[in-house]
N, C-alpha and C. Protein backbone atom coordinates (compact mmCIF):
# COMPACT_ATOMS: atom_id res chain seq x y z
N UNK A 1 11.78 -36.77 -32.18
CA UNK A 1 12.04 -38.08 -32.53
C UNK A 1 13.61 -38.40 -32.30
N UNK A 2 13.82 -39.52 -31.67
CA UNK A 2 15.24 -39.92 -31.46
C UNK A 2 15.80 -40.50 -32.74
N UNK A 3 17.05 -40.25 -32.99
CA UNK A 3 17.70 -40.78 -34.15
C UNK A 3 17.70 -42.32 -34.03
N UNK A 4 17.29 -42.98 -35.19
CA UNK A 4 17.34 -44.40 -35.29
C UNK A 4 16.18 -45.07 -34.72
N UNK A 5 15.28 -44.34 -34.25
CA UNK A 5 13.93 -44.96 -33.67
C UNK A 5 12.89 -44.78 -34.61
N UNK A 6 11.91 -45.73 -34.50
CA UNK A 6 10.70 -45.59 -35.35
C UNK A 6 10.90 -46.23 -36.70
N UNK A 7 9.93 -45.93 -37.54
CA UNK A 7 9.89 -46.43 -38.86
C UNK A 7 8.92 -45.62 -39.73
N UNK A 8 8.98 -45.74 -40.96
CA UNK A 8 7.98 -44.99 -41.82
C UNK A 8 7.88 -45.71 -43.18
N UNK A 9 6.79 -45.47 -43.80
CA UNK A 9 6.48 -45.96 -45.17
C UNK A 9 6.02 -44.78 -45.85
N UNK A 10 6.03 -44.83 -47.24
CA UNK A 10 5.59 -43.74 -48.05
C UNK A 10 4.90 -44.40 -49.32
N UNK A 11 3.74 -43.73 -49.77
CA UNK A 11 3.11 -44.31 -50.86
C UNK A 11 2.22 -43.44 -51.63
N UNK A 12 1.54 -43.81 -52.59
CA UNK A 12 0.80 -42.91 -53.56
C UNK A 12 -0.59 -43.59 -53.73
N UNK A 13 -1.56 -42.68 -53.69
CA UNK A 13 -2.99 -43.10 -53.93
C UNK A 13 -3.27 -42.87 -55.37
N UNK A 14 -3.60 -43.93 -56.18
CA UNK A 14 -4.02 -43.94 -57.54
C UNK A 14 -2.91 -43.20 -58.39
N UNK A 15 -1.66 -43.68 -58.27
CA UNK A 15 -0.70 -43.11 -59.02
C UNK A 15 -0.94 -43.10 -60.61
N UNK A 16 -0.73 -41.94 -61.19
CA UNK A 16 -1.02 -41.89 -62.66
C UNK A 16 0.19 -42.33 -63.55
N UNK A 17 1.31 -41.93 -63.27
CA UNK A 17 2.46 -42.29 -64.02
C UNK A 17 3.35 -43.24 -63.39
N UNK A 18 3.40 -44.48 -63.86
CA UNK A 18 4.04 -45.60 -63.32
C UNK A 18 5.53 -45.38 -62.94
N UNK A 19 6.25 -44.60 -63.88
CA UNK A 19 7.64 -44.37 -63.71
C UNK A 19 7.92 -43.63 -62.33
N UNK A 20 6.96 -42.82 -61.90
CA UNK A 20 7.22 -42.13 -60.63
C UNK A 20 7.27 -43.01 -59.52
N UNK A 21 6.62 -44.12 -59.37
CA UNK A 21 6.81 -45.11 -58.30
C UNK A 21 8.13 -45.73 -58.30
N UNK A 22 8.78 -45.88 -59.45
CA UNK A 22 10.09 -46.45 -59.36
C UNK A 22 11.11 -45.43 -58.82
N UNK A 23 10.91 -44.05 -59.22
CA UNK A 23 11.75 -42.98 -58.68
C UNK A 23 11.48 -42.78 -57.20
N UNK A 24 10.20 -42.84 -56.82
CA UNK A 24 9.97 -42.80 -55.35
C UNK A 24 10.52 -43.94 -54.64
N UNK A 25 10.35 -45.11 -55.07
CA UNK A 25 10.99 -46.26 -54.37
C UNK A 25 12.48 -46.24 -54.24
N UNK A 26 13.16 -45.83 -55.25
CA UNK A 26 14.56 -45.56 -55.12
C UNK A 26 14.94 -44.55 -54.08
N UNK A 27 14.16 -43.37 -54.12
CA UNK A 27 14.49 -42.41 -52.95
C UNK A 27 14.20 -42.96 -51.68
N UNK A 28 13.14 -43.75 -51.50
CA UNK A 28 12.71 -44.29 -50.29
C UNK A 28 13.80 -45.16 -49.72
N UNK A 29 14.43 -45.93 -50.48
CA UNK A 29 15.54 -46.84 -50.13
C UNK A 29 16.74 -46.00 -49.64
N UNK A 30 17.10 -44.97 -50.41
CA UNK A 30 18.17 -44.08 -50.08
C UNK A 30 17.94 -43.33 -48.70
N UNK A 31 16.69 -42.87 -48.51
CA UNK A 31 16.40 -42.13 -47.34
C UNK A 31 16.00 -42.96 -46.17
N UNK A 32 15.95 -44.27 -46.30
CA UNK A 32 15.67 -45.12 -45.20
C UNK A 32 14.20 -45.52 -44.86
N UNK A 33 13.32 -45.37 -45.84
CA UNK A 33 11.94 -45.90 -45.59
C UNK A 33 11.90 -47.38 -45.36
N UNK A 34 11.00 -47.75 -44.55
CA UNK A 34 10.86 -49.22 -44.32
C UNK A 34 10.03 -49.89 -45.42
N UNK A 35 9.20 -49.17 -46.08
CA UNK A 35 8.41 -49.75 -47.09
C UNK A 35 7.78 -48.71 -47.95
N UNK A 36 7.35 -49.09 -49.20
CA UNK A 36 6.66 -48.24 -50.12
C UNK A 36 5.40 -48.98 -50.47
N UNK A 37 4.41 -48.16 -50.87
CA UNK A 37 3.04 -48.77 -51.22
C UNK A 37 2.34 -47.90 -52.21
N UNK A 38 1.50 -48.70 -52.95
CA UNK A 38 0.44 -47.87 -53.86
C UNK A 38 -0.87 -48.43 -53.50
N UNK A 39 -1.85 -47.49 -53.71
CA UNK A 39 -3.25 -47.83 -53.56
C UNK A 39 -3.99 -47.58 -54.85
N UNK A 40 -4.54 -48.62 -55.39
CA UNK A 40 -5.30 -48.48 -56.57
C UNK A 40 -4.64 -48.80 -57.91
N UNK A 41 -3.29 -49.06 -57.91
CA UNK A 41 -2.57 -49.29 -59.11
C UNK A 41 -1.54 -50.41 -58.79
N UNK A 42 -1.10 -51.05 -59.86
CA UNK A 42 -0.02 -51.97 -59.53
C UNK A 42 1.25 -51.56 -60.13
N UNK A 43 2.34 -51.98 -59.44
CA UNK A 43 3.60 -51.54 -59.80
C UNK A 43 4.22 -52.56 -60.86
N UNK A 44 4.95 -52.01 -61.77
CA UNK A 44 5.74 -52.81 -62.74
C UNK A 44 7.15 -52.36 -62.67
N UNK A 45 8.10 -53.18 -62.67
CA UNK A 45 9.48 -52.81 -62.70
C UNK A 45 9.79 -51.63 -63.64
N UNK A 46 10.47 -50.69 -63.22
CA UNK A 46 10.75 -49.43 -63.97
C UNK A 46 12.17 -49.19 -64.17
N UNK A 47 12.45 -48.52 -65.28
CA UNK A 47 13.89 -48.22 -65.59
C UNK A 47 14.39 -47.16 -64.63
N UNK A 48 13.50 -46.30 -63.95
CA UNK A 48 13.90 -45.33 -63.02
C UNK A 48 14.49 -45.92 -61.76
N UNK A 49 14.16 -47.12 -61.43
CA UNK A 49 14.72 -47.85 -60.25
C UNK A 49 16.02 -48.58 -60.66
N UNK A 50 17.02 -47.73 -60.72
CA UNK A 50 18.36 -48.22 -61.12
C UNK A 50 19.10 -48.95 -60.07
N UNK A 51 18.66 -48.83 -58.84
CA UNK A 51 19.26 -49.55 -57.69
C UNK A 51 18.69 -50.92 -57.43
N UNK A 52 17.69 -51.28 -58.21
CA UNK A 52 16.88 -52.52 -58.09
C UNK A 52 16.36 -52.60 -56.63
N UNK A 53 15.66 -51.61 -56.27
CA UNK A 53 15.21 -51.45 -54.85
C UNK A 53 14.26 -52.58 -54.38
N UNK A 54 13.63 -53.18 -55.33
CA UNK A 54 12.78 -54.42 -54.87
C UNK A 54 13.52 -55.43 -54.21
N UNK A 55 14.89 -55.47 -54.31
CA UNK A 55 15.68 -56.37 -53.54
C UNK A 55 15.91 -56.05 -52.17
N UNK A 56 15.65 -54.74 -51.86
CA UNK A 56 15.99 -54.21 -50.47
C UNK A 56 14.80 -53.71 -49.67
N UNK A 57 13.84 -53.20 -50.27
CA UNK A 57 12.63 -52.62 -49.57
C UNK A 57 11.35 -52.98 -50.22
N UNK A 58 10.45 -53.56 -49.35
CA UNK A 58 9.19 -54.02 -50.01
C UNK A 58 8.27 -52.98 -50.55
N UNK A 59 7.55 -53.32 -51.60
CA UNK A 59 6.50 -52.41 -52.17
C UNK A 59 5.20 -53.28 -52.04
N UNK A 60 4.25 -52.69 -51.31
CA UNK A 60 2.93 -53.33 -51.13
C UNK A 60 2.00 -52.60 -52.02
N UNK A 61 1.01 -53.32 -52.57
CA UNK A 61 -0.06 -52.74 -53.38
C UNK A 61 -1.34 -53.06 -52.73
N UNK A 62 -2.27 -52.22 -52.76
CA UNK A 62 -3.53 -52.28 -52.20
C UNK A 62 -4.63 -51.91 -53.21
N UNK A 63 -5.67 -52.55 -53.26
CA UNK A 63 -6.73 -52.21 -54.40
C UNK A 63 -7.54 -51.01 -53.82
N UNK A 64 -7.78 -50.86 -52.54
CA UNK A 64 -8.66 -49.69 -52.05
C UNK A 64 -7.96 -49.08 -50.80
N UNK A 65 -8.40 -47.85 -50.41
CA UNK A 65 -7.94 -47.27 -49.22
C UNK A 65 -8.39 -48.13 -48.03
N UNK A 66 -9.53 -48.69 -48.06
CA UNK A 66 -9.91 -49.59 -46.94
C UNK A 66 -9.04 -50.69 -46.75
N UNK A 67 -8.73 -51.42 -47.86
CA UNK A 67 -7.70 -52.51 -47.75
C UNK A 67 -6.41 -52.07 -47.24
N UNK A 68 -5.88 -50.82 -47.61
CA UNK A 68 -4.66 -50.29 -47.08
C UNK A 68 -4.81 -50.03 -45.53
N UNK A 69 -5.91 -49.44 -45.12
CA UNK A 69 -6.11 -49.17 -43.71
C UNK A 69 -6.04 -50.44 -42.92
N UNK A 70 -6.75 -51.45 -43.41
CA UNK A 70 -6.84 -52.77 -42.75
C UNK A 70 -5.54 -53.47 -42.61
N UNK A 71 -4.49 -53.00 -43.18
CA UNK A 71 -3.18 -53.64 -43.16
C UNK A 71 -2.07 -52.74 -42.71
N UNK A 72 -2.21 -51.51 -42.20
CA UNK A 72 -1.17 -50.74 -41.80
C UNK A 72 -0.75 -51.16 -40.37
N UNK A 73 0.47 -50.95 -40.01
CA UNK A 73 1.04 -51.27 -38.64
C UNK A 73 0.18 -50.45 -37.52
N UNK A 74 -0.05 -51.18 -36.43
CA UNK A 74 -0.85 -50.69 -35.37
C UNK A 74 -0.46 -49.29 -34.94
N UNK A 75 0.68 -48.90 -34.79
CA UNK A 75 0.96 -47.61 -34.17
C UNK A 75 1.38 -46.55 -35.14
N UNK A 76 1.18 -46.84 -36.50
CA UNK A 76 1.52 -45.80 -37.46
C UNK A 76 0.52 -44.76 -37.67
N UNK A 77 1.05 -43.49 -37.74
CA UNK A 77 0.10 -42.37 -38.12
C UNK A 77 0.05 -42.16 -39.64
N UNK A 78 -1.14 -41.90 -40.20
CA UNK A 78 -1.13 -41.56 -41.58
C UNK A 78 -0.99 -40.07 -41.68
N UNK A 79 -0.08 -39.53 -42.52
CA UNK A 79 0.11 -38.16 -42.73
C UNK A 79 -0.14 -37.93 -44.27
N UNK A 80 -1.14 -37.10 -44.52
CA UNK A 80 -1.43 -36.85 -45.95
C UNK A 80 -0.65 -35.60 -46.45
N UNK A 81 0.10 -35.84 -47.49
CA UNK A 81 0.87 -34.76 -48.12
C UNK A 81 0.04 -34.11 -49.22
N UNK A 82 -0.36 -32.99 -49.00
CA UNK A 82 -1.39 -32.35 -50.04
C UNK A 82 -1.30 -30.83 -49.86
N UNK A 83 -1.58 -30.14 -51.01
CA UNK A 83 -1.76 -28.67 -51.00
C UNK A 83 -3.29 -28.50 -50.52
N UNK A 84 -3.44 -28.00 -49.34
CA UNK A 84 -4.76 -27.96 -48.73
C UNK A 84 -4.72 -26.83 -47.67
N UNK A 85 -5.82 -26.09 -47.59
CA UNK A 85 -5.95 -24.89 -46.71
C UNK A 85 -5.90 -25.28 -45.27
N UNK A 86 -6.15 -26.51 -44.93
CA UNK A 86 -5.97 -27.02 -43.60
C UNK A 86 -4.67 -27.69 -43.22
N UNK A 87 -3.79 -27.79 -44.20
CA UNK A 87 -2.59 -28.37 -44.06
C UNK A 87 -1.54 -27.45 -43.26
N UNK A 88 -0.63 -28.07 -42.52
CA UNK A 88 0.45 -27.34 -41.89
C UNK A 88 1.70 -27.33 -42.81
N UNK A 89 2.53 -26.37 -42.60
CA UNK A 89 3.72 -26.32 -43.52
C UNK A 89 4.77 -27.40 -43.07
N UNK A 90 5.40 -27.96 -43.95
CA UNK A 90 6.50 -28.94 -43.65
C UNK A 90 7.51 -28.28 -42.86
N UNK A 91 7.71 -27.04 -42.84
CA UNK A 91 8.68 -26.30 -42.08
C UNK A 91 8.36 -26.46 -40.54
N UNK A 92 7.12 -26.47 -40.17
CA UNK A 92 6.75 -26.57 -38.76
C UNK A 92 6.37 -28.06 -38.37
N UNK A 93 6.26 -28.86 -39.29
CA UNK A 93 5.89 -30.40 -39.05
C UNK A 93 6.91 -31.09 -38.23
N UNK A 94 6.42 -31.66 -37.24
CA UNK A 94 7.31 -32.68 -36.44
C UNK A 94 6.83 -34.11 -36.81
N UNK A 95 7.84 -34.82 -37.39
CA UNK A 95 7.57 -36.20 -37.80
C UNK A 95 7.32 -37.06 -36.67
N UNK A 96 6.32 -37.94 -36.63
CA UNK A 96 6.08 -38.95 -35.62
C UNK A 96 7.06 -40.04 -35.85
N UNK A 97 7.36 -40.88 -34.75
CA UNK A 97 8.37 -41.97 -34.82
C UNK A 97 7.80 -43.00 -35.83
N UNK A 98 6.52 -43.31 -35.77
CA UNK A 98 5.95 -44.25 -36.74
C UNK A 98 4.97 -43.45 -37.67
N UNK A 99 5.34 -43.43 -38.89
CA UNK A 99 4.56 -42.63 -39.83
C UNK A 99 4.31 -43.35 -41.10
N UNK A 100 3.16 -43.06 -41.76
CA UNK A 100 2.88 -43.50 -43.10
C UNK A 100 2.56 -42.16 -43.89
N UNK A 101 3.35 -41.82 -44.87
CA UNK A 101 3.14 -40.65 -45.69
C UNK A 101 2.35 -41.04 -46.95
N UNK A 102 1.21 -40.32 -47.16
CA UNK A 102 0.43 -40.73 -48.25
C UNK A 102 0.28 -39.55 -49.21
N UNK A 103 0.74 -39.70 -50.47
CA UNK A 103 0.65 -38.69 -51.48
C UNK A 103 -0.45 -38.98 -52.45
N UNK A 104 -0.91 -37.96 -53.09
CA UNK A 104 -1.96 -38.20 -54.07
C UNK A 104 -1.44 -38.23 -55.49
N UNK A 105 -2.32 -38.64 -56.39
CA UNK A 105 -1.93 -38.75 -57.80
C UNK A 105 -1.53 -37.40 -58.40
N UNK A 106 -0.81 -37.43 -59.40
CA UNK A 106 -0.21 -36.19 -59.98
C UNK A 106 -1.31 -35.37 -60.50
N UNK A 107 -2.39 -35.86 -61.03
CA UNK A 107 -3.45 -35.02 -61.54
C UNK A 107 -4.62 -34.71 -60.60
N UNK A 108 -4.88 -35.56 -59.63
CA UNK A 108 -6.06 -35.31 -58.84
C UNK A 108 -5.85 -35.10 -57.36
N UNK A 109 -4.54 -35.40 -56.94
CA UNK A 109 -4.32 -35.34 -55.42
C UNK A 109 -5.08 -36.34 -54.75
N UNK A 110 -5.16 -36.14 -53.32
CA UNK A 110 -5.89 -36.92 -52.46
C UNK A 110 -7.31 -36.49 -52.27
N UNK A 111 -8.30 -37.44 -52.44
CA UNK A 111 -9.69 -37.05 -52.22
C UNK A 111 -10.03 -36.68 -50.79
N UNK A 112 -10.94 -35.89 -50.53
CA UNK A 112 -11.34 -35.41 -49.19
C UNK A 112 -11.77 -36.56 -48.28
N UNK A 113 -12.47 -37.48 -48.89
CA UNK A 113 -12.85 -38.69 -48.01
C UNK A 113 -11.74 -39.51 -47.54
N UNK A 114 -10.53 -39.46 -48.12
CA UNK A 114 -9.35 -40.16 -47.73
C UNK A 114 -8.66 -39.29 -46.63
N UNK A 115 -8.61 -37.93 -46.89
CA UNK A 115 -7.89 -37.06 -45.97
C UNK A 115 -8.53 -36.57 -44.67
N UNK A 116 -9.94 -36.86 -44.64
CA UNK A 116 -10.72 -36.28 -43.59
C UNK A 116 -10.33 -36.52 -42.13
N UNK A 117 -9.76 -37.60 -41.86
CA UNK A 117 -9.51 -38.04 -40.56
C UNK A 117 -7.95 -37.84 -40.17
N UNK A 118 -7.19 -37.37 -41.06
CA UNK A 118 -5.70 -37.49 -40.93
C UNK A 118 -4.96 -36.08 -41.02
N UNK A 119 -3.84 -36.00 -40.36
CA UNK A 119 -3.16 -34.75 -40.44
C UNK A 119 -2.74 -34.49 -41.80
N UNK A 120 -2.60 -33.28 -42.21
CA UNK A 120 -2.26 -32.78 -43.58
C UNK A 120 -1.02 -31.92 -43.55
N UNK A 121 -0.07 -32.14 -44.46
CA UNK A 121 1.07 -31.41 -44.45
C UNK A 121 1.35 -30.95 -45.98
N UNK A 122 1.71 -29.66 -46.05
CA UNK A 122 2.00 -29.21 -47.44
C UNK A 122 3.54 -28.75 -47.48
N UNK A 123 4.01 -28.86 -48.76
CA UNK A 123 5.47 -28.41 -48.95
C UNK A 123 5.48 -26.94 -49.47
N UNK A 124 6.05 -26.06 -48.72
CA UNK A 124 5.95 -24.72 -49.19
C UNK A 124 6.70 -24.48 -50.46
N UNK A 125 6.21 -23.58 -51.31
CA UNK A 125 6.90 -23.25 -52.48
C UNK A 125 6.65 -21.85 -52.99
N UNK A 126 7.42 -21.36 -53.84
CA UNK A 126 7.24 -19.93 -54.33
C UNK A 126 6.16 -19.78 -55.43
N UNK A 127 5.76 -20.95 -56.01
CA UNK A 127 4.62 -20.94 -56.97
C UNK A 127 3.44 -21.76 -56.55
N UNK A 128 2.38 -21.58 -57.15
CA UNK A 128 1.19 -22.31 -56.64
C UNK A 128 0.93 -23.50 -57.55
N UNK A 129 1.94 -24.34 -57.77
CA UNK A 129 1.84 -25.52 -58.60
C UNK A 129 2.27 -26.71 -57.72
N UNK A 130 1.72 -27.83 -58.14
CA UNK A 130 2.04 -29.08 -57.37
C UNK A 130 3.37 -29.68 -57.92
N UNK A 131 4.11 -30.32 -57.08
CA UNK A 131 5.34 -30.97 -57.47
C UNK A 131 5.11 -32.34 -58.04
N UNK A 132 5.95 -32.89 -58.82
CA UNK A 132 5.91 -34.24 -59.20
C UNK A 132 5.84 -35.12 -57.96
N UNK A 133 5.07 -36.15 -57.93
CA UNK A 133 4.82 -36.96 -56.82
C UNK A 133 6.07 -37.61 -56.20
N UNK A 134 6.96 -38.09 -57.12
CA UNK A 134 8.23 -38.59 -56.65
C UNK A 134 9.11 -37.58 -55.90
N UNK A 135 9.09 -36.35 -56.59
CA UNK A 135 9.79 -35.23 -55.95
C UNK A 135 9.30 -34.87 -54.64
N UNK A 136 7.97 -34.65 -54.48
CA UNK A 136 7.39 -34.32 -53.30
C UNK A 136 7.68 -35.50 -52.17
N UNK A 137 7.56 -36.72 -52.49
CA UNK A 137 7.93 -37.80 -51.62
C UNK A 137 9.39 -37.74 -51.14
N UNK A 138 10.31 -37.46 -51.98
CA UNK A 138 11.69 -37.31 -51.74
C UNK A 138 11.95 -36.17 -50.79
N UNK A 139 11.27 -35.09 -51.09
CA UNK A 139 11.42 -33.89 -50.02
C UNK A 139 10.92 -34.27 -48.64
N UNK A 140 9.72 -35.00 -48.54
CA UNK A 140 9.26 -35.32 -47.20
C UNK A 140 10.23 -36.26 -46.59
N UNK A 141 10.77 -37.28 -47.22
CA UNK A 141 11.76 -38.11 -46.62
C UNK A 141 13.04 -37.45 -46.20
N UNK A 142 13.55 -36.61 -47.07
CA UNK A 142 14.77 -35.84 -46.74
C UNK A 142 14.50 -35.00 -45.44
N UNK A 143 13.34 -34.32 -45.38
CA UNK A 143 12.96 -33.60 -44.22
C UNK A 143 12.88 -34.38 -42.98
N UNK A 144 12.42 -35.62 -43.02
CA UNK A 144 12.41 -36.52 -41.90
C UNK A 144 13.73 -36.82 -41.49
N UNK A 145 14.63 -37.23 -42.48
CA UNK A 145 16.00 -37.45 -42.16
C UNK A 145 16.77 -36.35 -41.46
N UNK A 146 16.59 -35.10 -42.00
CA UNK A 146 17.37 -34.05 -41.50
C UNK A 146 16.81 -33.66 -40.06
N UNK A 147 15.51 -33.56 -39.87
CA UNK A 147 14.89 -33.25 -38.55
C UNK A 147 15.19 -34.42 -37.53
N UNK A 148 15.16 -35.56 -38.00
CA UNK A 148 15.44 -36.68 -37.05
C UNK A 148 16.90 -36.67 -36.48
N UNK A 149 17.77 -36.24 -37.29
CA UNK A 149 19.20 -36.28 -36.93
C UNK A 149 19.54 -35.06 -36.01
N UNK A 150 18.59 -34.10 -35.93
CA UNK A 150 18.86 -32.85 -35.05
C UNK A 150 18.47 -33.08 -33.58
N UNK A 151 17.60 -34.08 -33.38
CA UNK A 151 17.16 -34.40 -32.01
C UNK A 151 18.05 -35.21 -31.25
């Protein structure tokens, strides 16, 4: 990926804890995401968004995964971030120029029928626990920033 080329968005499927979307939204703005989205839940202004990111980066809400898919940009690739035996490690992952990173809810993750057609990536860790969704999203965005600047 060439520096400064492409775009990406990041979002959560059926987010459980609303404060996490405020934290993810703030990180998305800091790391240069073009947009943030939720599927299945509505965002309310959160105290964790101390930068008032809603002024700088849009947040889209979709009722269903089908609604989301019907509205994504034409050339964007959906990348599912999930602990899954078929996922590749973030260490080896090459970020596409146009990407949409989809994270699962804190308690249930992404359902198989959502992930079945898309690439899956996991974040390596020393323990077999899932990360907070806002933290996982921040790691993905940081990785994209760091790898994008090396090319």
